[in-house]
Amino acid sequence: MVKVTENWASTLRAMKVGDIVVFPVRAISSVNTTISRLRLEMCVENADWKRTGEVDRKRGEFKIQRVS
């Protein structure tokens, strides 16, 4: 798994189906907004992402997986 600290949109856009990326909790609202925008922009590819597992409050991170 890759840990990302910046450039959320480019990271999400570059993900392949099945990839899982770890983001810091401070980015959760930005990542969610970016995913909504990318779903619309990449609708021809039927791109979709989802959060996997729970937010790890101890480490301050959460995981996103490209599902299609």
PDB file of N, CA and C in Angstrom:
ATOM      1  N   MET A   1       0.824  -1.185   0.000  1.00  0.00           N
ATOM      2  CA  MET A   1       0.000   0.000   0.000  1.00  0.00           C
ATOM      3  C   MET A   1       0.868   1.249   0.000  1.00  0.00           C
ATOM      4  N   VAL A   2       0.386   2.224  -0.711  1.00  0.00           N
ATOM      5  CA  VAL A   2       1.091   3.491  -0.834  1.00  0.00           C
ATOM      6  C   VAL A   2       0.481   4.494   0.136  1.00  0.00           C
ATOM      7  N   LYS A   3       1.337   5.248   0.837  1.00  0.00           N
ATOM      8  CA  LYS A   3       0.870   6.333   1.707  1.00  0.00           C
ATOM      9  C   LYS A   3       1.008   7.642   0.944  1.00  0.00           C
ATOM     10  N   VAL A   4      -0.062   8.430   0.943  1.00  0.00           N
ATOM     11  CA  VAL A   4      -0.077   9.684   0.207  1.00  0.00           C
ATOM     12  C   VAL A   4      -0.231  10.833   1.192  1.00  0.00           C
ATOM     13  N   THR A   5       0.555  11.888   1.014  1.00  0.00           N
ATOM     14  CA  THR A   5       0.458  13.046   1.898  1.00  0.00           C
ATOM     15  C   THR A   5       0.032  14.315   1.160  1.00  0.00           C
ATOM     16  N   GLU A   6      -0.003  14.267  -0.166  1.00  0.00           N
ATOM     17  CA  GLU A   6      -0.417  15.424  -0.965  1.00  0.00           C
ATOM     18  C   GLU A   6      -0.842  14.953  -2.349  1.00  0.00           C
ATOM     19  N   ASN A   7      -1.353  15.873  -3.151  1.00  0.00           N
ATOM     20  CA  ASN A   7      -1.788  15.574  -4.522  1.00  0.00           C
ATOM     21  C   ASN A   7      -2.841  14.471  -4.568  1.00  0.00           C
ATOM     22  N   TRP A   8      -3.928  14.659  -3.799  1.00  0.00           N
ATOM     23  CA  TRP A   8      -4.959  13.624  -3.699  1.00  0.00           C
ATOM     24  C   TRP A   8      -5.552  13.286  -5.061  1.00  0.00           C
ATOM     25  N   ALA A   9      -5.919  14.304  -5.844  1.00  0.00           N
ATOM     26  CA  ALA A   9      -6.612  14.068  -7.117  1.00  0.00           C
ATOM     27  C   ALA A   9      -5.755  13.279  -8.093  1.00  0.00           C
ATOM     28  N   SER A  10      -4.508  13.662  -8.242  1.00  0.00           N
ATOM     29  CA  SER A  10      -3.652  12.944  -9.195  1.00  0.00           C
ATOM     30  C   SER A  10      -3.404  11.510  -8.746  1.00  0.00           C
ATOM     31  N   THR A  11      -3.314  11.299  -7.448  1.00  0.00           N
ATOM     32  CA  THR A  11      -3.135   9.941  -6.926  1.00  0.00           C
ATOM     33  C   THR A  11      -4.370   9.098  -7.199  1.00  0.00           C
ATOM     34  N   LEU A  12      -5.549   9.641  -6.905  1.00  0.00           N
ATOM     35  CA  LEU A  12      -6.793   8.904  -7.148  1.00  0.00           C
ATOM     36  C   LEU A  12      -6.973   8.613  -8.635  1.00  0.00           C
ATOM     37  N   ARG A  13      -6.674   9.588  -9.472  1.00  0.00           N
ATOM     38  CA  ARG A  13      -6.819   9.423 -10.921  1.00  0.00           C
ATOM     39  C   ARG A  13      -5.884   8.333 -11.454  1.00  0.00           C
ATOM     40  N   ALA A  14      -4.695   8.219 -10.891  1.00  0.00           N
ATOM     41  CA  ALA A  14      -3.695   7.262 -11.378  1.00  0.00           C
ATOM     42  C   ALA A  14      -3.905   5.839 -10.855  1.00  0.00           C
ATOM     43  N   MET A  15      -4.801   5.671  -9.889  1.00  0.00           N
ATOM     44  CA  MET A  15      -5.012   4.335  -9.318  1.00  0.00           C
ATOM     45  C   MET A  15      -5.597   3.381 -10.354  1.00  0.00           C
ATOM     46  N   LYS A  16      -5.186   2.130 -10.278  1.00  0.00           N
ATOM     47  CA  LYS A  16      -5.738   1.056 -11.104  1.00  0.00           C
ATOM     48  C   LYS A  16      -6.751   0.293 -10.256  1.00  0.00           C
ATOM     49  N   VAL A  17      -7.672  -0.419 -10.904  1.00  0.00           N
ATOM     50  CA  VAL A  17      -8.675  -1.202 -10.185  1.00  0.00           C
ATOM     51  C   VAL A  17      -7.968  -2.189  -9.258  1.00  0.00           C
ATOM     52  N   GLY A  18      -8.379  -2.203  -7.992  1.00  0.00           N
ATOM     53  CA  GLY A  18      -7.789  -3.081  -6.984  1.00  0.00           C
ATOM     54  C   GLY A  18      -6.724  -2.416  -6.134  1.00  0.00           C
ATOM     55  N   ASP A  19      -6.182  -1.280  -6.590  1.00  0.00           N
ATOM     56  CA  ASP A  19      -5.175  -0.559  -5.803  1.00  0.00           C
ATOM     57  C   ASP A  19      -5.795  -0.016  -4.519  1.00  0.00           C
ATOM     58  N   ILE A  20      -5.004  -0.017  -3.448  1.00  0.00           N
ATOM     59  CA  ILE A  20      -5.409   0.574  -2.169  1.00  0.00           C
ATOM     60  C   ILE A  20      -4.355   1.603  -1.781  1.00  0.00           C
ATOM     61  N   VAL A  21      -4.819   2.795  -1.423  1.00  0.00           N
ATOM     62  CA  VAL A  21      -3.924   3.887  -1.052  1.00  0.00           C
ATOM     63  C   VAL A  21      -4.333   4.393   0.329  1.00  0.00           C
ATOM     64  N   VAL A  22      -3.350   4.770   1.144  1.00  0.00           N
ATOM     65  CA  VAL A  22      -3.581   5.271   2.502  1.00  0.00           C
ATOM     66  C   VAL A  22      -3.438   6.794   2.500  1.00  0.00           C
ATOM     67  N   PHE A  23      -4.457   7.461   3.048  1.00  0.00           N
ATOM     68  CA  PHE A  23      -4.472   8.918   3.140  1.00  0.00           C
ATOM     69  C   PHE A  23      -4.518   9.345   4.601  1.00  0.00           C
ATOM     70  N   PRO A  24      -4.015  10.544   4.926  1.00  0.00           N
ATOM     71  CA  PRO A  24      -4.130  11.050   6.301  1.00  0.00           C
ATOM     72  C   PRO A  24      -5.566  11.497   6.586  1.00  0.00           C
ATOM     73  N   VAL A  25      -6.007  11.359   7.827  1.00  0.00           N
ATOM     74  CA  VAL A  25      -7.371  11.729   8.214  1.00  0.00           C
ATOM     75  C   VAL A  25      -7.662  13.194   7.904  1.00  0.00           C
ATOM     76  N   ARG A  26      -6.684  14.059   8.016  1.00  0.00           N
ATOM     77  CA  ARG A  26      -6.917  15.483   7.745  1.00  0.00           C
ATOM     78  C   ARG A  26      -7.392  15.726   6.314  1.00  0.00           C
ATOM     79  N   ALA A  27      -7.206  14.742   5.428  1.00  0.00           N
ATOM     80  CA  ALA A  27      -7.588  14.895   4.028  1.00  0.00           C
ATOM     81  C   ALA A  27      -8.933  14.260   3.699  1.00  0.00           C
ATOM     82  N   ILE A  28      -9.630  13.723   4.690  1.00  0.00           N
ATOM     83  CA  ILE A  28     -10.823  12.919   4.405  1.00  0.00           C
ATOM     84  C   ILE A  28     -11.901  13.695   3.641  1.00  0.00           C
ATOM     85  N   SER A  29     -12.175  14.926   4.010  1.00  0.00           N
ATOM     86  CA  SER A  29     -13.213  15.683   3.299  1.00  0.00           C
ATOM     87  C   SER A  29     -12.761  16.054   1.892  1.00  0.00           C
ATOM     88  N   SER A  30     -11.500  16.406   1.729  1.00  0.00           N
ATOM     89  CA  SER A  30     -10.971  16.724   0.401  1.00  0.00           C
ATOM     90  C   SER A  30     -10.995  15.509  -0.512  1.00  0.00           C
ATOM     91  N   VAL A  31     -10.613  14.359   0.022  1.00  0.00           N
ATOM     92  CA  VAL A  31     -10.599  13.128  -0.769  1.00  0.00           C
ATOM     93  C   VAL A  31     -12.022  12.754  -1.176  1.00  0.00           C
ATOM     94  N   ASN A  32     -12.977  12.853  -0.259  1.00  0.00           N
ATOM     95  CA  ASN A  32     -14.369  12.537  -0.586  1.00  0.00           C
ATOM     96  C   ASN A  32     -14.911  13.460  -1.676  1.00  0.00           C
ATOM     97  N   THR A  33     -14.600  14.744  -1.592  1.00  0.00           N
ATOM     98  CA  THR A  33     -15.028  15.700  -2.608  1.00  0.00           C
ATOM     99  C   THR A  33     -14.367  15.394  -3.944  1.00  0.00           C
ATOM    100  N   THR A  34     -13.091  15.075  -3.914  1.00  0.00           N
ATOM    101  CA  THR A  34     -12.357  14.750  -5.134  1.00  0.00           C
ATOM    102  C   THR A  34     -12.916  13.498  -5.790  1.00  0.00           C
ATOM    103  N   ILE A  35     -13.258  12.495  -4.997  1.00  0.00           N
ATOM    104  CA  ILE A  35     -13.831  11.261  -5.546  1.00  0.00           C
ATOM    105  C   ILE A  35     -15.150  11.567  -6.256  1.00  0.00           C
ATOM    106  N   SER A  36     -15.993  12.393  -5.677  1.00  0.00           N
ATOM    107  CA  SER A  36     -17.259  12.765  -6.319  1.00  0.00           C
ATOM    108  C   SER A  36     -17.013  13.428  -7.669  1.00  0.00           C
ATOM    109  N   ARG A  37     -16.052  14.329  -7.711  1.00  0.00           N
ATOM    110  CA  ARG A  37     -15.724  15.023  -8.960  1.00  0.00           C
ATOM    111  C   ARG A  37     -15.148  14.062  -9.993  1.00  0.00           C
ATOM    112  N   LEU A  38     -14.255  13.171  -9.554  1.00  0.00           N
ATOM    113  CA  LEU A  38     -13.637  12.226 -10.484  1.00  0.00           C
ATOM    114  C   LEU A  38     -14.639  11.210 -11.024  1.00  0.00           C
ATOM    115  N   ARG A  39     -15.617  10.816 -10.223  1.00  0.00           N
ATOM    116  CA  ARG A  39     -16.664   9.904 -10.721  1.00  0.00           C
ATOM    117  C   ARG A  39     -17.360  10.520 -11.925  1.00  0.00           C
ATOM    118  N   LEU A  40     -17.622  11.820 -11.860  1.00  0.00           N
ATOM    119  CA  LEU A  40     -18.263  12.513 -12.969  1.00  0.00           C
ATOM    120  C   LEU A  40     -17.303  12.665 -14.150  1.00  0.00           C
ATOM    121  N   GLU A  41     -16.082  13.109 -13.890  1.00  0.00           N
ATOM    122  CA  GLU A  41     -15.098  13.313 -14.957  1.00  0.00           C
ATOM    123  C   GLU A  41     -14.725  12.018 -15.664  1.00  0.00           C
ATOM    124  N   MET A  42     -14.669  10.918 -14.917  1.00  0.00           N
ATOM    125  CA  MET A  42     -14.210   9.641 -15.472  1.00  0.00           C
ATOM    126  C   MET A  42     -15.372   8.663 -15.676  1.00  0.00           C
ATOM    127  N   CYS A  43     -16.586   9.200 -15.916  1.00  0.00           N
ATOM    128  CA  CYS A  43     -17.770   8.345 -16.042  1.00  0.00           C
ATOM    129  C   CYS A  43     -17.685   7.406 -17.242  1.00  0.00           C
ATOM    130  N   VAL A  44     -16.993   7.785 -18.291  1.00  0.00           N
ATOM    131  CA  VAL A  44     -16.851   6.917 -19.464  1.00  0.00           C
ATOM    132  C   VAL A  44     -16.108   5.641 -19.084  1.00  0.00           C
ATOM    133  N   GLU A  45     -15.148   5.756 -18.168  1.00  0.00           N
ATOM    134  CA  GLU A  45     -14.389   4.591 -17.699  1.00  0.00           C
ATOM    135  C   GLU A  45     -15.131   3.831 -16.605  1.00  0.00           C
ATOM    136  N   ASN A  46     -16.273   4.377 -16.145  1.00  0.00           N
ATOM    137  CA  ASN A  46     -17.029   3.794 -15.039  1.00  0.00           C
ATOM    138  C   ASN A  46     -16.166   3.697 -13.776  1.00  0.00           C
ATOM    139  N   ALA A  47     -15.353   4.715 -13.547  1.00  0.00           N
ATOM    140  CA  ALA A  47     -14.428   4.733 -12.409  1.00  0.00           C
ATOM    141  C   ALA A  47     -15.179   4.889 -11.093  1.00  0.00           C
ATOM    142  N   ASP A  48     -14.734   4.156 -10.073  1.00  0.00           N
ATOM    143  CA  ASP A  48     -15.328   4.278  -8.744  1.00  0.00           C
ATOM    144  C   ASP A  48     -14.296   3.908  -7.684  1.00  0.00           C
ATOM    145  N   TRP A  49     -14.417   4.540  -6.529  1.00  0.00           N
ATOM    146  CA  TRP A  49     -13.544   4.308  -5.388  1.00  0.00           C
ATOM    147  C   TRP A  49     -14.406   4.115  -4.161  1.00  0.00           C
ATOM    148  N   LYS A  50     -13.874   3.449  -3.141  1.00  0.00           N
ATOM    149  CA  LYS A  50     -14.589   3.342  -1.869  1.00  0.00           C
ATOM    150  C   LYS A  50     -13.581   3.275  -0.733  1.00  0.00           C
ATOM    151  N   ARG A  51     -14.035   3.694   0.438  1.00  0.00           N
ATOM    152  CA  ARG A  51     -13.187   3.603   1.625  1.00  0.00           C
ATOM    153  C   ARG A  51     -13.241   2.168   2.118  1.00  0.00           C
ATOM    154  N   THR A  52     -12.085   1.599   2.410  1.00  0.00           N
ATOM    155  CA  THR A  52     -12.033   0.230   2.914  1.00  0.00           C
ATOM    156  C   THR A  52     -11.654   0.253   4.384  1.00  0.00           C
ATOM    157  N   GLY A  53     -12.314  -0.570   5.156  1.00  0.00           N
ATOM    158  CA  GLY A  53     -12.029  -0.627   6.582  1.00  0.00           C
ATOM    159  C   GLY A  53     -12.495   0.620   7.302  1.00  0.00           C
ATOM    160  N   GLU A  54     -12.100   0.715   8.541  1.00  0.00           N
ATOM    161  CA  GLU A  54     -12.456   1.849   9.391  1.00  0.00           C
ATOM    162  C   GLU A  54     -11.339   2.890   9.363  1.00  0.00           C
ATOM    163  N   VAL A  55     -11.678   4.090   9.770  1.00  0.00           N
ATOM    164  CA  VAL A  55     -10.667   5.134   9.927  1.00  0.00           C
ATOM    165  C   VAL A  55      -9.796   4.736  11.107  1.00  0.00           C
ATOM    166  N   ASP A  56      -8.484   4.677  10.889  1.00  0.00           N
ATOM    167  CA  ASP A  56      -7.544   4.325  11.958  1.00  0.00           C
ATOM    168  C   ASP A  56      -7.219   5.599  12.732  1.00  0.00           C
ATOM    169  N   ARG A  57      -7.918   5.796  13.836  1.00  0.00           N
ATOM    170  CA  ARG A  57      -7.744   7.021  14.625  1.00  0.00           C
ATOM    171  C   ARG A  57      -6.390   7.068  15.325  1.00  0.00           C
ATOM    172  N   LYS A  58      -5.856   5.911  15.649  1.00  0.00           N
ATOM    173  CA  LYS A  58      -4.559   5.869  16.328  1.00  0.00           C
ATOM    174  C   LYS A  58      -3.448   6.346  15.389  1.00  0.00           C
ATOM    175  N   ARG A  59      -3.475   5.874  14.167  1.00  0.00           N
ATOM    176  CA  ARG A  59      -2.459   6.272  13.180  1.00  0.00           C
ATOM    177  C   ARG A  59      -2.841   7.528  12.416  1.00  0.00           C
ATOM    178  N   GLY A  60      -4.121   7.894  12.478  1.00  0.00           N
ATOM    179  CA  GLY A  60      -4.583   9.087  11.770  1.00  0.00           C
ATOM    180  C   GLY A  60      -4.627   8.900  10.269  1.00  0.00           C
ATOM    181  N   GLU A  61      -5.161   7.746   9.825  1.00  0.00           N
ATOM    182  CA  GLU A  61      -5.205   7.482   8.390  1.00  0.00           C
ATOM    183  C   GLU A  61      -6.426   6.640   8.017  1.00  0.00           C
ATOM    184  N   PHE A  62      -6.732   6.625   6.728  1.00  0.00           N
ATOM    185  CA  PHE A  62      -7.811   5.804   6.197  1.00  0.00           C
ATOM    186  C   PHE A  62      -7.407   5.310   4.811  1.00  0.00           C
ATOM    187  N   LYS A  63      -8.081   4.257   4.341  1.00  0.00           N
ATOM    188  CA  LYS A  63      -7.717   3.624   3.072  1.00  0.00           C
ATOM    189  C   LYS A  63      -8.826   3.803   2.043  1.00  0.00           C
ATOM    190  N   ILE A  64      -8.407   4.036   0.813  1.00  0.00           N
ATOM    191  CA  ILE A  64      -9.314   4.127  -0.328  1.00  0.00           C
ATOM    192  C   ILE A  64      -8.892   3.069  -1.342  1.00  0.00           C
ATOM    193  N   GLN A  65      -9.888   2.366  -1.901  1.00  0.00           N
ATOM    194  CA  GLN A  65      -9.619   1.345  -2.916  1.00  0.00           C
ATOM    195  C   GLN A  65     -10.336   1.724  -4.203  1.00  0.00           C
ATOM    196  N   ARG A  66      -9.662   1.534  -5.328  1.00  0.00           N
ATOM    197  CA  ARG A  66     -10.314   1.714  -6.637  1.00  0.00           C
ATOM    198  C   ARG A  66     -11.056   0.422  -6.928  1.00  0.00           C
ATOM    199  N   VAL A  67     -12.380   0.490  -7.059  1.00  0.00           N
ATOM    200  CA  VAL A  67     -13.189  -0.714  -7.236  1.00  0.00           C
ATOM    201  C   VAL A  67     -13.640  -0.931  -8.675  1.00  0.00           C
ATOM    202  N   SER A  68     -13.611   0.098  -9.500  1.00  0.00           N
ATOM    203  CA  SER A  68     -13.911  -0.085 -10.924  1.00  0.00           C
ATOM    204  C   SER A  68     -13.365   1.083 -11.717  1.00  0.00           C
TER     205      SER A  68
END
